[in-house]
């Protein structure tokens, strides 16, 4: 019983200490109420990660487009193939038939 009483007195003294109270209030403020609290930091980290993934994706896409552009400007046969496939261009005496698979029509 004596041990419990001294322990309770120590806890009460700890909570009545002005430095402990100040530090506790400051810590609670920084963790929960500040503009840069824990939840905000977590949200910022997840947004940063998402933006990094988007940056990597667009960097790869840009490199692919540059490579395709380089191939199209140097090789006439690839340019003709690209124009026929993407823009359905044709020569004067040709007919072009576009075949669309049924799976794409259903979508």
PDB file of N, CA and C in Angstrom:
ATOM      1  N   UNK A   1       0.808  -1.176   0.000  1.00  0.00           N
ATOM      2  CA  UNK A   1       0.000   0.000   0.000  1.00  0.00           C
ATOM      3  C   UNK A   1       0.869   1.264   0.000  1.00  0.00           C
ATOM      4  N   UNK A   2       1.930   1.209   0.758  1.00  0.00           N
ATOM      5  CA  UNK A   2       2.839   2.357   0.837  1.00  0.00           C
ATOM      6  C   UNK A   2       3.485   2.622  -0.525  1.00  0.00           C
ATOM      7  N   UNK A   3       3.810   1.545  -1.253  1.00  0.00           N
ATOM      8  CA  UNK A   3       4.439   1.673  -2.573  1.00  0.00           C
ATOM      9  C   UNK A   3       3.487   2.350  -3.562  1.00  0.00           C
ATOM     10  N   UNK A   4       2.222   2.012  -3.532  1.00  0.00           N
ATOM     11  CA  UNK A   4       1.230   2.602  -4.434  1.00  0.00           C
ATOM     12  C   UNK A   4       1.072   4.083  -4.130  1.00  0.00           C
ATOM     13  N   UNK A   5       1.082   4.415  -2.888  1.00  0.00           N
ATOM     14  CA  UNK A   5       0.921   5.807  -2.480  1.00  0.00           C
ATOM     15  C   UNK A   5       2.105   6.663  -2.948  1.00  0.00           C
ATOM     16  N   UNK A   6       3.309   6.164  -2.812  1.00  0.00           N
ATOM     17  CA  UNK A   6       4.486   6.917  -3.269  1.00  0.00           C
ATOM     18  C   UNK A   6       4.511   7.009  -4.789  1.00  0.00           C
ATOM     19  N   UNK A   7       4.059   5.965  -5.452  1.00  0.00           N
ATOM     20  CA  UNK A   7       4.006   5.990  -6.912  1.00  0.00           C
ATOM     21  C   UNK A   7       2.994   7.034  -7.379  1.00  0.00           C
ATOM     22  N   UNK A   8       1.864   7.098  -6.744  1.00  0.00           N
ATOM     23  CA  UNK A   8       0.848   8.087  -7.087  1.00  0.00           C
ATOM     24  C   UNK A   8       1.361   9.508  -6.837  1.00  0.00           C
ATOM     25  N   UNK A   9       2.095   9.692  -5.766  1.00  0.00           N
ATOM     26  CA  UNK A   9       2.655  11.015  -5.479  1.00  0.00           C
ATOM     27  C   UNK A   9       3.661  11.420  -6.561  1.00  0.00           C
ATOM     28  N   UNK A  10       4.466  10.464  -7.005  1.00  0.00           N
ATOM     29  CA  UNK A  10       5.441  10.757  -8.063  1.00  0.00           C
ATOM     30  C   UNK A  10       4.727  11.140  -9.362  1.00  0.00           C
ATOM     31  N   UNK A  11       3.665  10.430  -9.678  1.00  0.00           N
ATOM     32  CA  UNK A  11       2.909  10.736 -10.900  1.00  0.00           C
ATOM     33  C   UNK A  11       2.263  12.109 -10.800  1.00  0.00           C
ATOM     34  N   UNK A  12       1.694  12.406  -9.652  1.00  0.00           N
ATOM     35  CA  UNK A  12       1.075  13.718  -9.443  1.00  0.00           C
ATOM     36  C   UNK A  12       2.130  14.815  -9.519  1.00  0.00           C
ATOM     37  N   UNK A  13       3.286  14.580  -8.927  1.00  0.00           N
ATOM     38  CA  UNK A  13       4.370  15.563  -9.001  1.00  0.00           C
ATOM     39  C   UNK A  13       4.849  15.743 -10.439  1.00  0.00           C
ATOM     40  N   UNK A  14       4.892  14.652 -11.173  1.00  0.00           N
ATOM     41  CA  UNK A  14       5.315  14.733 -12.574  1.00  0.00           C
ATOM     42  C   UNK A  14       4.345  15.576 -13.384  1.00  0.00           C
ATOM     43  N   UNK A  15       3.045  15.339 -13.219  1.00  0.00           N
ATOM     44  CA  UNK A  15       2.046  16.098 -13.967  1.00  0.00           C
ATOM     45  C   UNK A  15       1.909  17.542 -13.480  1.00  0.00           C
ATOM     46  N   UNK A  16       2.312  17.830 -12.298  1.00  0.00           N
ATOM     47  CA  UNK A  16       2.247  19.205 -11.813  1.00  0.00           C
ATOM     48  C   UNK A  16       3.536  19.973 -12.123  1.00  0.00           C
ATOM     49  N   UNK A  17       4.535  19.311 -12.659  1.00  0.00           N
ATOM     50  CA  UNK A  17       5.782  19.962 -13.040  1.00  0.00           C
ATOM     51  C   UNK A  17       5.522  20.841 -14.264  1.00  0.00           C
ATOM     52  N   UNK A  18       5.905  22.116 -14.180  1.00  0.00           N
ATOM     53  CA  UNK A  18       5.593  23.047 -15.262  1.00  0.00           C
ATOM     54  C   UNK A  18       6.359  22.723 -16.547  1.00  0.00           C
ATOM     55  N   UNK A  19       7.543  22.170 -16.445  1.00  0.00           N
ATOM     56  CA  UNK A  19       8.316  21.821 -17.639  1.00  0.00           C
ATOM     57  C   UNK A  19       7.689  20.613 -18.358  1.00  0.00           C
ATOM     58  N   UNK A  20       7.240  19.656 -17.566  1.00  0.00           N
ATOM     59  CA  UNK A  20       6.580  18.490 -18.156  1.00  0.00           C
ATOM     60  C   UNK A  20       5.275  18.907 -18.825  1.00  0.00           C
ATOM     61  N   UNK A  21       4.511  19.763 -18.155  1.00  0.00           N
ATOM     62  CA  UNK A  21       3.261  20.235 -18.741  1.00  0.00           C
ATOM     63  C   UNK A  21       3.510  21.019 -20.031  1.00  0.00           C
ATOM     64  N   UNK A  22       4.512  21.877 -20.002  1.00  0.00           N
ATOM     65  CA  UNK A  22       4.830  22.670 -21.195  1.00  0.00           C
ATOM     66  C   UNK A  22       5.251  21.770 -22.349  1.00  0.00           C
ATOM     67  N   UNK A  23       6.103  20.823 -22.045  1.00  0.00           N
ATOM     68  CA  UNK A  23       6.563  19.913 -23.095  1.00  0.00           C
ATOM     69  C   UNK A  23       5.419  19.050 -23.622  1.00  0.00           C
ATOM     70  N   UNK A  24       4.528  18.603 -22.742  1.00  0.00           N
ATOM     71  CA  UNK A  24       3.389  17.783 -23.163  1.00  0.00           C
ATOM     72  C   UNK A  24       2.441  18.579 -24.049  1.00  0.00           C
ATOM     73  N   UNK A  25       2.158  19.791 -23.658  1.00  0.00           N
ATOM     74  CA  UNK A  25       1.270  20.637 -24.470  1.00  0.00           C
ATOM     75  C   UNK A  25       1.904  20.948 -25.819  1.00  0.00           C
ATOM     76  N   UNK A  26       3.191  21.257 -25.808  1.00  0.00           N
ATOM     77  CA  UNK A  26       3.895  21.531 -27.058  1.00  0.00           C
ATOM     78  C   UNK A  26       3.880  20.307 -27.971  1.00  0.00           C
ATOM     79  N   UNK A  27       4.149  19.138 -27.422  1.00  0.00           N
ATOM     80  CA  UNK A  27       4.154  17.906 -28.205  1.00  0.00           C
ATOM     81  C   UNK A  27       2.765  17.601 -28.768  1.00  0.00           C
ATOM     82  N   UNK A  28       1.734  17.761 -27.972  1.00  0.00           N
ATOM     83  CA  UNK A  28       0.369  17.521 -28.447  1.00  0.00           C
ATOM     84  C   UNK A  28       0.011  18.509 -29.559  1.00  0.00           C
ATOM     85  N   UNK A  29       0.421  19.760 -29.376  1.00  0.00           N
ATOM     86  CA  UNK A  29       0.140  20.765 -30.399  1.00  0.00           C
ATOM     87  C   UNK A  29       0.829  20.407 -31.715  1.00  0.00           C
ATOM     88  N   UNK A  30       2.087  20.022 -31.643  1.00  0.00           N
ATOM     89  CA  UNK A  30       2.842  19.705 -32.861  1.00  0.00           C
ATOM     90  C   UNK A  30       2.331  18.429 -33.537  1.00  0.00           C
ATOM     91  N   UNK A  31       1.862  17.463 -32.759  1.00  0.00           N
ATOM     92  CA  UNK A  31       1.404  16.196 -33.345  1.00  0.00           C
ATOM     93  C   UNK A  31      -0.004  16.286 -33.930  1.00  0.00           C
ATOM     94  N   UNK A  32      -0.873  17.099 -33.359  1.00  0.00           N
ATOM     95  CA  UNK A  32      -2.279  17.042 -33.755  1.00  0.00           C
ATOM     96  C   UNK A  32      -2.865  18.352 -34.288  1.00  0.00           C
ATOM     97  N   UNK A  33      -2.409  19.496 -33.801  1.00  0.00           N
ATOM     98  CA  UNK A  33      -3.087  20.741 -34.132  1.00  0.00           C
ATOM     99  C   UNK A  33      -2.309  21.659 -35.070  1.00  0.00           C
ATOM    100  N   UNK A  34      -1.058  21.440 -35.251  1.00  0.00           N
ATOM    101  CA  UNK A  34      -0.237  22.309 -36.080  1.00  0.00           C
ATOM    102  C   UNK A  34      -0.596  22.135 -37.552  1.00  0.00           C
ATOM    103  N   UNK A  35      -0.196  23.086 -38.381  1.00  0.00           N
ATOM    104  CA  UNK A  35      -0.437  23.006 -39.817  1.00  0.00           C
ATOM    105  C   UNK A  35       0.280  21.810 -40.434  1.00  0.00           C
ATOM    106  N   UNK A  36       1.397  21.419 -39.877  1.00  0.00           N
ATOM    107  CA  UNK A  36       2.172  20.282 -40.381  1.00  0.00           C
ATOM    108  C   UNK A  36       2.079  19.106 -39.418  1.00  0.00           C
ATOM    109  N   UNK A  37       0.871  18.747 -39.030  1.00  0.00           N
ATOM    110  CA  UNK A  37       0.696  17.646 -38.088  1.00  0.00           C
ATOM    111  C   UNK A  37       0.970  16.298 -38.769  1.00  0.00           C
ATOM    112  N   UNK A  38       0.801  15.232 -38.020  1.00  0.00           N
ATOM    113  CA  UNK A  38       1.138  13.900 -38.532  1.00  0.00           C
ATOM    114  C   UNK A  38       0.316  13.516 -39.754  1.00  0.00           C
ATOM    115  N   UNK A  39      -0.976  13.780 -39.725  1.00  0.00           N
ATOM    116  CA  UNK A  39      -1.829  13.415 -40.858  1.00  0.00           C
ATOM    117  C   UNK A  39      -1.443  14.199 -42.114  1.00  0.00           C
ATOM    118  N   UNK A  40      -1.136  15.457 -41.937  1.00  0.00           N
ATOM    119  CA  UNK A  40      -0.716  16.259 -43.085  1.00  0.00           C
ATOM    120  C   UNK A  40       0.580  15.726 -43.660  1.00  0.00           C
ATOM    121  N   UNK A  41       1.510  15.380 -42.804  1.00  0.00           N
ATOM    122  CA  UNK A  41       2.773  14.826 -43.275  1.00  0.00           C
ATOM    123  C   UNK A  41       2.564  13.528 -44.035  1.00  0.00           C
ATOM    124  N   UNK A  42       1.682  12.679 -43.540  1.00  0.00           N
ATOM    125  CA  UNK A  42       1.368  11.423 -44.227  1.00  0.00           C
ATOM    126  C   UNK A  42       0.748  11.701 -45.596  1.00  0.00           C
ATOM    127  N   UNK A  43      -0.190  12.653 -45.641  1.00  0.00           N
ATOM    128  CA  UNK A  43      -0.809  13.010 -46.915  1.00  0.00           C
ATOM    129  C   UNK A  43       0.219  13.569 -47.893  1.00  0.00           C
ATOM    130  N   UNK A  44       1.128  14.397 -47.395  1.00  0.00           N
ATOM    131  CA  UNK A  44       2.167  14.955 -48.258  1.00  0.00           C
ATOM    132  C   UNK A  44       3.070  13.861 -48.812  1.00  0.00           C
ATOM    133  N   UNK A  45       3.407  12.895 -47.978  1.00  0.00           N
ATOM    134  CA  UNK A  45       4.271  11.794 -48.430  1.00  0.00           C
ATOM    135  C   UNK A  45       3.591  10.954 -49.502  1.00  0.00           C
ATOM    136  N   UNK A  46       2.310  10.635 -49.307  1.00  0.00           N
ATOM    137  CA  UNK A  46       1.607   9.823 -50.304  1.00  0.00           C
ATOM    138  C   UNK A  46       1.437  10.595 -51.608  1.00  0.00           C
ATOM    139  N   UNK A  47       1.172  11.890 -51.516  1.00  0.00           N
ATOM    140  CA  UNK A  47       1.047  12.693 -52.728  1.00  0.00           C
ATOM    141  C   UNK A  47       2.393  12.794 -53.448  1.00  0.00           C
ATOM    142  N   UNK A  48       3.457  12.945 -52.692  1.00  0.00           N
ATOM    143  CA  UNK A  48       4.789  12.999 -53.287  1.00  0.00           C
ATOM    144  C   UNK A  48       5.112  11.696 -54.009  1.00  0.00           C
ATOM    145  N   UNK A  49       4.780  10.576 -53.399  1.00  0.00           N
ATOM    146  CA  UNK A  49       5.028   9.281 -54.022  1.00  0.00           C
ATOM    147  C   UNK A  49       4.228   9.130 -55.319  1.00  0.00           C
ATOM    148  N   UNK A  50       2.978   9.555 -55.283  1.00  0.00           N
ATOM    149  CA  UNK A  50       2.134   9.483 -56.479  1.00  0.00           C
ATOM    150  C   UNK A  50       2.692  10.370 -57.588  1.00  0.00           C
ATOM    151  N   UNK A  51       3.132  11.567 -57.232  1.00  0.00           N
ATOM    152  CA  UNK A  51       3.685  12.486 -58.223  1.00  0.00           C
ATOM    153  C   UNK A  51       5.002  11.971 -58.796  1.00  0.00           C
ATOM    154  N   UNK A  52       5.804  11.311 -57.969  1.00  0.00           N
ATOM    155  CA  UNK A  52       7.045  10.712 -58.473  1.00  0.00           C
ATOM    156  C   UNK A  52       6.744   9.618 -59.494  1.00  0.00           C
ATOM    157  N   UNK A  53       5.717   8.798 -59.210  1.00  0.00           N
ATOM    158  CA  UNK A  53       5.336   7.747 -60.156  1.00  0.00           C
ATOM    159  C   UNK A  53       4.841   8.347 -61.463  1.00  0.00           C
ATOM    160  N   UNK A  54       4.053   9.417 -61.387  1.00  0.00           N
ATOM    161  CA  UNK A  54       3.583  10.090 -62.592  1.00  0.00           C
ATOM    162  C   UNK A  54       4.753  10.679 -63.371  1.00  0.00           C
ATOM    163  N   UNK A  55       5.703  11.253 -62.659  1.00  0.00           N
ATOM    164  CA  UNK A  55       6.878  11.834 -63.320  1.00  0.00           C
ATOM    165  C   UNK A  55       7.653  10.756 -64.064  1.00  0.00           C
ATOM    166  N   UNK A  56       7.852   9.601 -63.427  1.00  0.00           N
ATOM    167  CA  UNK A  56       8.556   8.502 -64.077  1.00  0.00           C
ATOM    168  C   UNK A  56       7.801   8.023 -65.316  1.00  0.00           C
ATOM    169  N   UNK A  57       6.477   7.911 -65.201  1.00  0.00           N
ATOM    170  CA  UNK A  57       5.664   7.471 -66.330  1.00  0.00           C
ATOM    171  C   UNK A  57       5.795   8.440 -67.502  1.00  0.00           C
ATOM    172  N   UNK A  58       5.654   9.728 -67.235  1.00  0.00           N
ATOM    173  CA  UNK A  58       5.722  10.708 -68.315  1.00  0.00           C
ATOM    174  C   UNK A  58       7.130  10.837 -68.881  1.00  0.00           C
ATOM    175  N   UNK A  59       8.134  10.614 -68.074  1.00  0.00           N
ATOM    176  CA  UNK A  59       9.504  10.624 -68.582  1.00  0.00           C
ATOM    177  C   UNK A  59       9.714   9.478 -69.571  1.00  0.00           C
ATOM    178  N   UNK A  60       9.220   8.289 -69.213  1.00  0.00           N
ATOM    179  CA  UNK A  60       9.330   7.140 -70.115  1.00  0.00           C
ATOM    180  C   UNK A  60       8.539   7.370 -71.398  1.00  0.00           C
ATOM    181  N   UNK A  61       7.345   7.933 -71.263  1.00  0.00           N
ATOM    182  CA  UNK A  61       6.522   8.206 -72.443  1.00  0.00           C
ATOM    183  C   UNK A  61       7.197   9.235 -73.350  1.00  0.00           C
ATOM    184  N   UNK A  62       7.811  10.249 -72.758  1.00  0.00           N
ATOM    185  CA  UNK A  62       8.505  11.265 -73.545  1.00  0.00           C
ATOM    186  C   UNK A  62       9.671  10.649 -74.311  1.00  0.00           C
ATOM    187  N   UNK A  63      10.420   9.778 -73.652  1.00  0.00           N
ATOM    188  CA  UNK A  63      11.533   9.112 -74.327  1.00  0.00           C
ATOM    189  C   UNK A  63      11.035   8.236 -75.474  1.00  0.00           C
ATOM    190  N   UNK A  64       9.927   7.545 -75.261  1.00  0.00           N
ATOM    191  CA  UNK A  64       9.354   6.699 -76.307  1.00  0.00           C
ATOM    192  C   UNK A  64       8.894   7.539 -77.496  1.00  0.00           C
ATOM    193  N   UNK A  65       8.265   8.666 -77.247  1.00  0.00           N
ATOM    194  CA  UNK A  65       7.801   9.536 -78.321  1.00  0.00           C
ATOM    195  C   UNK A  65       8.990  10.137 -79.080  1.00  0.00           C
ATOM    196  N   UNK A  66      10.029  10.514 -78.359  1.00  0.00           N
ATOM    197  CA  UNK A  66      11.223  11.050 -79.025  1.00  0.00           C
ATOM    198  C   UNK A  66      11.862   9.998 -79.924  1.00  0.00           C
ATOM    199  N   UNK A  67      11.909   8.766 -79.425  1.00  0.00           N
ATOM    200  CA  UNK A  67      12.469   7.675 -80.222  1.00  0.00           C
ATOM    201  C   UNK A  67      11.626   7.441 -81.471  1.00  0.00           C
ATOM    202  N   UNK A  68      10.297   7.433 -81.305  1.00  0.00           N
ATOM    203  CA  UNK A  68       9.402   7.235 -82.451  1.00  0.00           C
ATOM    204  C   UNK A  68       9.547   8.377 -83.444  1.00  0.00           C
ATOM    205  N   UNK A  69       9.622   9.592 -82.955  1.00  0.00           N
ATOM    206  CA  UNK A  69       9.796  10.753 -83.834  1.00  0.00           C
ATOM    207  C   UNK A  69      11.101  10.662 -84.599  1.00  0.00           C
ATOM    208  N   UNK A  70      12.151  10.250 -83.911  1.00  0.00           N
ATOM    209  CA  UNK A  70      13.445  10.092 -84.569  1.00  0.00           C
ATOM    210  C   UNK A  70      13.368   9.041 -85.674  1.00  0.00           C
ATOM    211  N   UNK A  71      12.685   7.932 -85.411  1.00  0.00           N
ATOM    212  CA  UNK A  71      12.544   6.886 -86.422  1.00  0.00           C
ATOM    213  C   UNK A  71      11.705   7.371 -87.600  1.00  0.00           C
ATOM    214  N   UNK A  72      10.655   8.125 -87.316  1.00  0.00           N
ATOM    215  CA  UNK A  72       9.782   8.593 -88.384  1.00  0.00           C
ATOM    216  C   UNK A  72      10.448   9.633 -89.270  1.00  0.00           C
ATOM    217  N   UNK A  73      11.312  10.448 -88.685  1.00  0.00           N
ATOM    218  CA  UNK A  73      11.973  11.472 -89.497  1.00  0.00           C
ATOM    219  C   UNK A  73      13.134  10.910 -90.307  1.00  0.00           C
ATOM    220  N   UNK A  74      13.653   9.756 -89.934  1.00  0.00           N
ATOM    221  CA  UNK A  74      14.795   9.201 -90.666  1.00  0.00           C
ATOM    222  C   UNK A  74      14.413   8.100 -91.641  1.00  0.00           C
ATOM    223  N   UNK A  75      13.357   7.365 -91.378  1.00  0.00           N
ATOM    224  CA  UNK A  75      13.011   6.211 -92.219  1.00  0.00           C
ATOM    225  C   UNK A  75      11.670   6.458 -92.909  1.00  0.00           C
ATOM    226  N   UNK A  76      11.698   6.542 -94.243  1.00  0.00           N
ATOM    227  CA  UNK A  76      10.499   6.832 -95.019  1.00  0.00           C
ATOM    228  C   UNK A  76       9.469   5.699 -94.945  1.00  0.00           C
ATOM    229  N   UNK A  77       9.924   4.450 -94.899  1.00  0.00           N
ATOM    230  CA  UNK A  77       8.976   3.331 -94.858  1.00  0.00           C
ATOM    231  C   UNK A  77       8.228   3.300 -93.523  1.00  0.00           C
ATOM    232  N   UNK A  78       8.910   3.602 -92.436  1.00  0.00           N
ATOM    233  CA  UNK A  78       8.235   3.654 -91.140  1.00  0.00           C
ATOM    234  C   UNK A  78       7.247   4.816 -91.079  1.00  0.00           C
ATOM    235  N   UNK A  79       7.599   5.943 -91.703  1.00  0.00           N
ATOM    236  CA  UNK A  79       6.695   7.072 -91.758  1.00  0.00           C
ATOM    237  C   UNK A  79       5.422   6.713 -92.520  1.00  0.00           C
ATOM    238  N   UNK A  80       5.592   6.029 -93.645  1.00  0.00           N
ATOM    239  CA  UNK A  80       4.428   5.607 -94.432  1.00  0.00           C
ATOM    240  C   UNK A  80       3.564   4.616 -93.656  1.00  0.00           C
ATOM    241  N   UNK A  81       4.191   3.666 -92.988  1.00  0.00           N
ATOM    242  CA  UNK A  81       3.455   2.684 -92.193  1.00  0.00           C
ATOM    243  C   UNK A  81       2.688   3.376 -91.064  1.00  0.00           C
ATOM    244  N   UNK A  82       3.329   4.323 -90.405  1.00  0.00           N
ATOM    245  CA  UNK A  82       2.685   5.063 -89.313  1.00  0.00           C
ATOM    246  C   UNK A  82       1.473   5.838 -89.827  1.00  0.00           C
ATOM    247  N   UNK A  83       1.636   6.518 -90.958  1.00  0.00           N
ATOM    248  CA  UNK A  83       0.539   7.309 -91.520  1.00  0.00           C
ATOM    249  C   UNK A  83      -0.623   6.417 -91.930  1.00  0.00           C
ATOM    250  N   UNK A  84      -0.332   5.264 -92.490  1.00  0.00           N
ATOM    251  CA  UNK A  84      -1.400   4.353 -92.908  1.00  0.00           C
ATOM    252  C   UNK A  84      -2.131   3.778 -91.695  1.00  0.00           C
ATOM    253  N   UNK A  85      -1.419   3.394 -90.644  1.00  0.00           N
ATOM    254  CA  UNK A  85      -2.051   2.763 -89.485  1.00  0.00           C
ATOM    255  C   UNK A  85      -2.788   3.761 -88.597  1.00  0.00           C
ATOM    256  N   UNK A  86      -2.176   4.880 -88.322  1.00  0.00           N
ATOM    257  CA  UNK A  86      -2.756   5.816 -87.356  1.00  0.00           C
ATOM    258  C   UNK A  86      -3.782   6.758 -87.989  1.00  0.00           C
ATOM    259  N   UNK A  87      -3.518   7.235 -89.187  1.00  0.00           N
ATOM    260  CA  UNK A  87      -4.368   8.252 -89.788  1.00  0.00           C
ATOM    261  C   UNK A  87      -5.135   7.749 -91.007  1.00  0.00           C
ATOM    262  N   UNK A  88      -5.046   6.461 -91.281  1.00  0.00           N
ATOM    263  CA  UNK A  88      -5.769   5.818 -92.378  1.00  0.00           C
ATOM    264  C   UNK A  88      -5.525   6.507 -93.726  1.00  0.00           C
ATOM    265  N   UNK A  89      -4.312   6.943 -93.940  1.00  0.00           N
ATOM    266  CA  UNK A  89      -3.953   7.575 -95.209  1.00  0.00           C
ATOM    267  C   UNK A  89      -3.741   6.493 -96.258  1.00  0.00           C
ATOM    268  N   UNK A  90      -3.943   6.891 -97.519  1.00  0.00           N
ATOM    269  CA  UNK A  90      -3.804   5.915 -98.603  1.00  0.00           C
ATOM    270  C   UNK A  90      -3.275   6.613 -99.835  1.00  0.00           C
ATOM    271  N   UNK A  91      -2.830   5.796-100.772  1.00  0.00           N
ATOM    272  CA  UNK A  91      -2.403   6.327-102.065  1.00  0.00           C
ATOM    273  C   UNK A  91      -3.646   6.554-102.919  1.00  0.00           C
ATOM    274  N   UNK A  92      -3.479   7.235-104.048  1.00  0.00           N
ATOM    275  CA  UNK A  92      -4.634   7.616-104.857  1.00  0.00           C
ATOM    276  C   UNK A  92      -5.429   6.417-105.382  1.00  0.00           C
ATOM    277  N   UNK A  93      -4.759   5.371-105.793  1.00  0.00           N
ATOM    278  CA  UNK A  93      -5.454   4.261-106.427  1.00  0.00           C
ATOM    279  C   UNK A  93      -5.676   3.086-105.466  1.00  0.00           C
ATOM    280  N   UNK A  94      -5.724   3.350-104.161  1.00  0.00           N
ATOM    281  CA  UNK A  94      -5.911   2.288-103.181  1.00  0.00           C
ATOM    282  C   UNK A  94      -7.247   2.444-102.467  1.00  0.00           C
ATOM    283  N   UNK A  95      -7.726   1.320-101.971  1.00  0.00           N
ATOM    284  CA  UNK A  95      -8.878   1.333-101.070  1.00  0.00           C
ATOM    285  C   UNK A  95      -8.409   0.834 -99.712  1.00  0.00           C
ATOM    286  N   UNK A  96      -8.899   1.480 -98.644  1.00  0.00           N
ATOM    287  CA  UNK A  96      -8.509   1.092 -97.299  1.00  0.00           C
ATOM    288  C   UNK A  96      -9.737   0.528 -96.587  1.00  0.00           C
ATOM    289  N   UNK A  97      -9.570  -0.652 -96.023  1.00  0.00           N
ATOM    290  CA  UNK A  97     -10.632  -1.280 -95.254  1.00  0.00           C
ATOM    291  C   UNK A  97     -10.173  -1.357 -93.798  1.00  0.00           C
ATOM    292  N   UNK A  98     -11.012  -0.860 -92.908  1.00  0.00           N
ATOM    293  CA  UNK A  98     -10.705  -0.893 -91.484  1.00  0.00           C
ATOM    294  C   UNK A  98     -11.494  -2.037 -90.877  1.00  0.00           C
ATOM    295  N   UNK A  99     -10.791  -2.975 -90.279  1.00  0.00           N
ATOM    296  CA  UNK A  99     -11.417  -4.126 -89.644  1.00  0.00           C
ATOM    297  C   UNK A  99     -11.304  -3.940 -88.141  1.00  0.00           C
ATOM    298  N   UNK A 100     -12.445  -3.891 -87.494  1.00  0.00           N
ATOM    299  CA  UNK A 100     -12.478  -3.720 -86.042  1.00  0.00           C
ATOM    300  C   UNK A 100     -12.940  -5.035 -85.437  1.00  0.00           C
ATOM    301  N   UNK A 101     -12.163  -5.634 -84.551  1.00  0.00           N
ATOM    302  CA  UNK A 101     -12.583  -6.875 -83.912  1.00  0.00           C
ATOM    303  C   UNK A 101     -13.855  -6.662 -83.083  1.00  0.00           C
ATOM    304  N   UNK A 102     -14.650  -7.719 -82.937  1.00  0.00           N
ATOM    305  CA  UNK A 102     -15.933  -7.595 -82.229  1.00  0.00           C
ATOM    306  C   UNK A 102     -15.736  -7.247 -80.756  1.00  0.00           C
ATOM    307  N   UNK A 103     -14.680  -7.667 -80.150  1.00  0.00           N
ATOM    308  CA  UNK A 103     -14.441  -7.361 -78.738  1.00  0.00           C
ATOM    309  C   UNK A 103     -14.346  -5.859 -78.522  1.00  0.00           C
ATOM    310  N   UNK A 104     -13.725  -5.123 -79.419  1.00  0.00           N
ATOM    311  CA  UNK A 104     -13.580  -3.683 -79.276  1.00  0.00           C
ATOM    312  C   UNK A 104     -14.911  -2.987 -79.528  1.00  0.00           C
ATOM    313  N   UNK A 105     -15.751  -3.543 -80.363  1.00  0.00           N
ATOM    314  CA  UNK A 105     -17.055  -2.938 -80.641  1.00  0.00           C
ATOM    315  C   UNK A 105     -17.939  -2.997 -79.401  1.00  0.00           C
ATOM    316  N   UNK A 106     -17.900  -4.096 -78.657  1.00  0.00           N
ATOM    317  CA  UNK A 106     -18.744  -4.267 -77.476  1.00  0.00           C
ATOM    318  C   UNK A 106     -18.418  -3.269 -76.387  1.00  0.00           C
ATOM    319  N   UNK A 107     -17.167  -2.866 -76.276  1.00  0.00           N
ATOM    320  CA  UNK A 107     -16.759  -1.933 -75.224  1.00  0.00           C
ATOM    321  C   UNK A 107     -17.347  -0.596 -75.512  1.00  0.00           C
TER     322      UNK A 107
END
